[in-house]
Protein backbone atom coordinates (compact mmCIF):
# COMPACT_ATOMS: atom_id res chain seq x y z
CA MET A 1 0.02 -0.04 -0.02
CA SER A 2 1.24 3.38 -0.89
CA LEU A 3 1.77 6.14 1.72
CA THR A 4 1.42 9.92 1.47
CA LEU A 5 2.17 12.61 3.86
CA ALA A 6 -0.15 13.67 6.57
CA ASP A 7 0.79 17.22 6.59
CA LYS A 8 3.63 19.58 5.26
CA VAL A 9 7.21 19.38 6.67
CA VAL A 10 10.21 21.52 6.50
CA TYR A 11 13.78 20.32 7.29
CA GLU A 12 17.00 22.38 7.02
CA GLU A 13 20.62 21.43 7.07
CA GLU A 14 23.90 23.12 6.32
CA ILE A 15 26.29 21.17 4.13
CA GLN A 16 29.78 22.67 3.30
CA LYS A 17 28.57 26.27 4.05
CA SER A 18 25.56 25.86 1.77
CA ARG A 19 22.13 25.98 3.39
CA PHE A 20 19.66 23.42 2.14
CA ILE A 21 15.91 23.75 3.08
CA ALA A 22 13.65 20.88 2.03
CA LYS A 23 9.88 21.63 2.08
CA ALA A 24 7.42 18.54 1.39
CA ALA A 25 3.70 18.32 1.14
CA PRO A 26 0.97 16.01 0.19
CA VAL A 27 -0.62 16.90 -3.19
CA ALA A 28 -3.71 15.51 -4.89
CA SER A 29 -2.96 16.75 -8.57
CA GLU A 30 -0.38 18.37 -10.67
CA GLU A 31 -2.09 21.69 -10.24
CA GLU A 32 -1.78 21.37 -6.46
CA ALA A 33 1.90 20.35 -6.74
CA LEU A 34 2.68 23.38 -8.94
CA ALA A 35 0.87 25.66 -6.67
CA PHE A 36 2.82 24.29 -3.57
CA LEU A 37 6.15 24.81 -5.54
CA ALA A 38 5.13 28.41 -6.58
CA GLU A 39 4.08 29.41 -2.99
CA ASN A 40 7.21 27.84 -1.30
CA ARG A 41 10.04 28.76 -3.79
CA GLU A 42 12.43 31.37 -2.52
CA PRO A 43 13.35 33.69 -5.33
CA GLU A 44 16.38 34.98 -3.53
CA ALA A 45 17.83 31.48 -3.21
CA THR A 46 20.56 30.18 -5.50
CA HIS A 47 18.51 27.22 -6.59
CA ASN A 48 14.92 26.00 -6.05
CA CYS A 49 15.08 22.39 -7.09
CA TYR A 50 12.08 20.06 -6.89
CA ALA A 51 10.34 16.72 -7.71
CA TYR A 52 6.75 15.46 -7.31
CA LYS A 53 5.01 12.20 -7.90
CA ILE A 54 1.34 11.59 -8.38
CA GLY A 55 0.40 8.19 -9.47
CA LEU A 56 2.43 7.49 -12.67
CA LEU A 57 2.96 11.26 -13.25
CA TYR A 58 6.24 12.68 -12.02
CA ARG A 59 8.27 15.79 -12.71
CA PHE A 60 11.62 17.11 -11.46
CA SER A 61 13.80 20.10 -11.96
CA ASP A 62 17.55 20.83 -11.34
CA ASP A 63 16.99 24.62 -11.53
CA GLY A 64 20.43 25.47 -12.86
CA GLU A 65 22.37 22.74 -10.99
CA PRO A 66 24.32 20.28 -13.23
CA SER A 67 21.91 17.87 -14.99
CA GLY A 68 20.76 15.08 -12.80
CA THR A 69 22.28 16.27 -9.57
CA ALA A 70 19.20 17.76 -7.82
CA GLY A 71 15.71 16.84 -9.29
CA ARG A 72 16.40 13.19 -9.81
CA PRO A 73 17.85 12.56 -6.46
CA ILE A 74 14.78 14.27 -4.81
CA LEU A 75 12.49 12.05 -6.81
CA HIS A 76 14.52 9.00 -5.79
CA ALA A 77 14.05 9.96 -2.14
CA ILE A 78 10.20 10.11 -2.68
CA GLU A 79 10.14 6.69 -4.42
CA ALA A 80 12.59 5.06 -1.99
CA GLN A 81 10.15 5.73 0.87
CA GLY A 82 7.17 4.26 -1.06
CA LEU A 83 5.44 7.63 -1.20
CA ASP A 84 2.87 8.92 -3.64
CA ARG A 85 1.04 12.18 -4.08
CA VAL A 86 3.99 14.06 -2.67
CA ALA A 87 5.84 17.30 -3.76
CA VAL A 88 9.31 18.22 -2.52
CA LEU A 89 11.06 21.47 -2.95
CA VAL A 90 14.70 21.79 -1.88
CA VAL A 91 16.02 25.36 -1.63
CA ARG A 92 19.77 26.02 -1.71
CA TYR A 93 21.70 29.08 -0.59
CA PHE A 94 25.22 28.69 -1.94
CA GLY A 95 27.81 28.99 0.69
CA GLY A 96 30.91 29.49 -1.41
CA VAL A 97 32.10 25.69 -1.47
CA LYS A 98 31.53 23.76 -4.68
CA LEU A 99 30.31 20.31 -3.88
CA GLY A 100 30.85 18.66 -7.16
CA ALA A 101 28.27 16.32 -8.86
CA GLY A 102 28.41 13.46 -6.34
CA GLY A 103 28.20 15.98 -3.42
CA LEU A 104 25.13 17.63 -4.94
CA VAL A 105 23.39 14.36 -5.41
CA ARG A 106 24.15 13.45 -1.79
CA ALA A 107 23.09 16.79 -0.54
CA TYR A 108 19.79 17.17 -2.37
CA GLY A 109 18.82 13.54 -2.03
CA GLY A 110 19.89 13.31 1.59
CA VAL A 111 17.99 16.47 2.69
CA ALA A 112 14.86 15.49 0.86
CA ALA A 113 15.00 11.94 2.24
CA GLU A 114 15.44 13.26 5.87
CA ALA A 115 12.48 15.57 5.47
CA LEU A 116 10.43 12.73 4.25
CA ARG A 117 11.60 10.48 7.06
CA ARG A 118 10.47 13.00 9.68
CA ALA A 119 7.09 13.77 8.09
CA PRO A 120 4.04 12.00 9.47
CA LYS A 121 2.74 9.56 6.96
CA VAL A 122 -0.80 8.08 6.24
CA PRO A 123 -1.94 5.30 3.96
CA LEU A 124 -3.18 6.45 0.44
CA VAL A 125 -6.82 5.52 0.28
CA GLU A 126 -8.56 5.38 -3.04
CA ARG A 127 -11.62 7.57 -3.16
CA VAL A 128 -14.75 7.21 -5.32
CA GLU A 129 -17.13 9.92 -6.17
CA LEU A 130 -20.88 9.46 -5.13
CA ALA A 131 -23.75 11.64 -6.24
CA PHE A 132 -27.33 11.24 -5.35
CA LEU A 133 -30.64 13.22 -5.36
CA VAL A 134 -32.85 13.41 -2.21
CA PRO A 135 -36.36 14.82 -1.93
CA PHE A 136 -36.57 17.90 0.31
CA ALA A 137 -38.42 15.94 3.05
CA GLU A 138 -35.47 13.58 3.50
CA VAL A 139 -32.63 16.25 3.49
CA GLY A 140 -32.52 16.51 7.28
CA ARG A 141 -31.71 12.76 7.55
CA VAL A 142 -28.87 13.12 5.09
CA TYR A 143 -27.37 16.01 6.94
CA ALA A 144 -27.50 13.81 10.11
CA LEU A 145 -25.91 10.89 8.28
CA LEU A 146 -23.21 13.08 6.82
CA GLU A 147 -22.48 14.75 10.13
CA ALA A 148 -22.31 11.29 11.90
CA ARG A 149 -19.67 10.04 9.55
CA ALA A 150 -17.83 13.35 9.41
CA LEU A 151 -18.24 13.83 5.56
CA LYS A 152 -18.58 16.93 3.60
CA ALA A 153 -20.73 17.18 0.49
CA GLU A 154 -21.28 19.57 -2.23
CA GLU A 155 -24.99 20.47 -2.49
CA THR A 156 -27.07 21.79 -5.42
CA TYR A 157 -30.65 22.62 -5.10
CA THR A 158 -33.12 21.44 -7.85
CA PRO A 159 -36.82 21.56 -8.11
CA GLU A 160 -36.97 17.86 -7.17
CA GLY A 161 -34.85 18.16 -4.01
CA VAL A 162 -31.07 18.54 -3.19
CA ARG A 163 -28.35 16.87 -5.21
CA PHE A 164 -25.36 15.70 -3.01
CA ALA A 165 -21.94 14.93 -4.27
CA LEU A 166 -19.13 13.65 -2.14
CA LEU A 167 -15.94 11.62 -2.25
CA LEU A 168 -15.78 8.61 -0.13
CA PRO A 169 -12.94 6.03 0.69
CA LYS A 170 -13.68 3.25 -1.56
CA PRO A 171 -14.06 0.63 1.04
CA GLU A 172 -16.71 2.69 2.71
CA ARG A 173 -18.92 3.12 -0.34
CA GLU A 174 -21.30 0.13 0.14
CA SER A 175 -21.85 0.70 3.89
CA PHE A 176 -22.61 4.36 3.28
CA LEU A 177 -25.11 3.52 0.59
CA ARG A 178 -26.93 1.13 2.89
CA ALA A 179 -26.91 3.70 5.64
CA LEU A 180 -28.29 6.28 3.17
CA LEU A 181 -31.03 4.03 1.85
CA ASP A 182 -32.08 3.19 5.44
CA ALA A 183 -31.98 6.81 6.69
CA THR A 184 -34.15 8.16 3.67
CA ARG A 185 -36.40 4.96 3.49
CA GLY A 186 -35.22 4.40 0.01
CA GLN A 187 -36.05 7.87 -1.18
CA VAL A 188 -32.83 8.35 -3.01
CA ALA A 189 -32.01 8.66 -6.72
CA LEU A 190 -28.35 7.61 -7.28
CA GLU A 191 -26.51 9.19 -10.23
C-alpha cells in the first residue's frame, strides 16, 4: 500500500557552508503540486530544485544545478520511501564551496530523504465519487448521516430536491449506501 504525507514538513541542513531547506507536502493533483512549489519557492535563493510524484505522473527540476544532480535525487527520495502524491522542494543558498556532482546528489537527495523520514505519513486511500438526489423531506436525515460520518458534500438545489456529491474512501462506499437508503427510506436517486 502506498503512503502519502499527513501534513507539510520542513527540514533544514547546512552542508559545506551551503544552506539546504527541504519543504514537502501532500498533493492530490499536478495543479496542487505546482501551486505548492510556486508558494514555497524562495526567489532570493541560488536554486529551487524540486520533484513531485502523483501516481504515474512525475516531474523534477535541477533549476540550474548540473543535470541529474538535484531533481532526480529528490524524486528518488520520494520513491525510495514508497510515497505517492507528494511534492518536495529543496531550496539551496550557496555558501561558497563547490560540492561537485556527487556532493550535490548526496546533499539534495539526503536533505529530501531526511525531510520525508521526519514527516508523518498516512496510507493512501482510493476515493470514489458518489452523487445522489434526495427529496426535500429527507434532506435532514442526509445531513445527520453526513455529520455522523464526518463527511462533507457539495450540495445543489433542484426543483425535485437536493443533489449531494461527495468523495468517499472506496471501502466505505457500500456501507454508506446502505445507511443512506435506510435513513431516507429508499427515497434516493443515485446518479
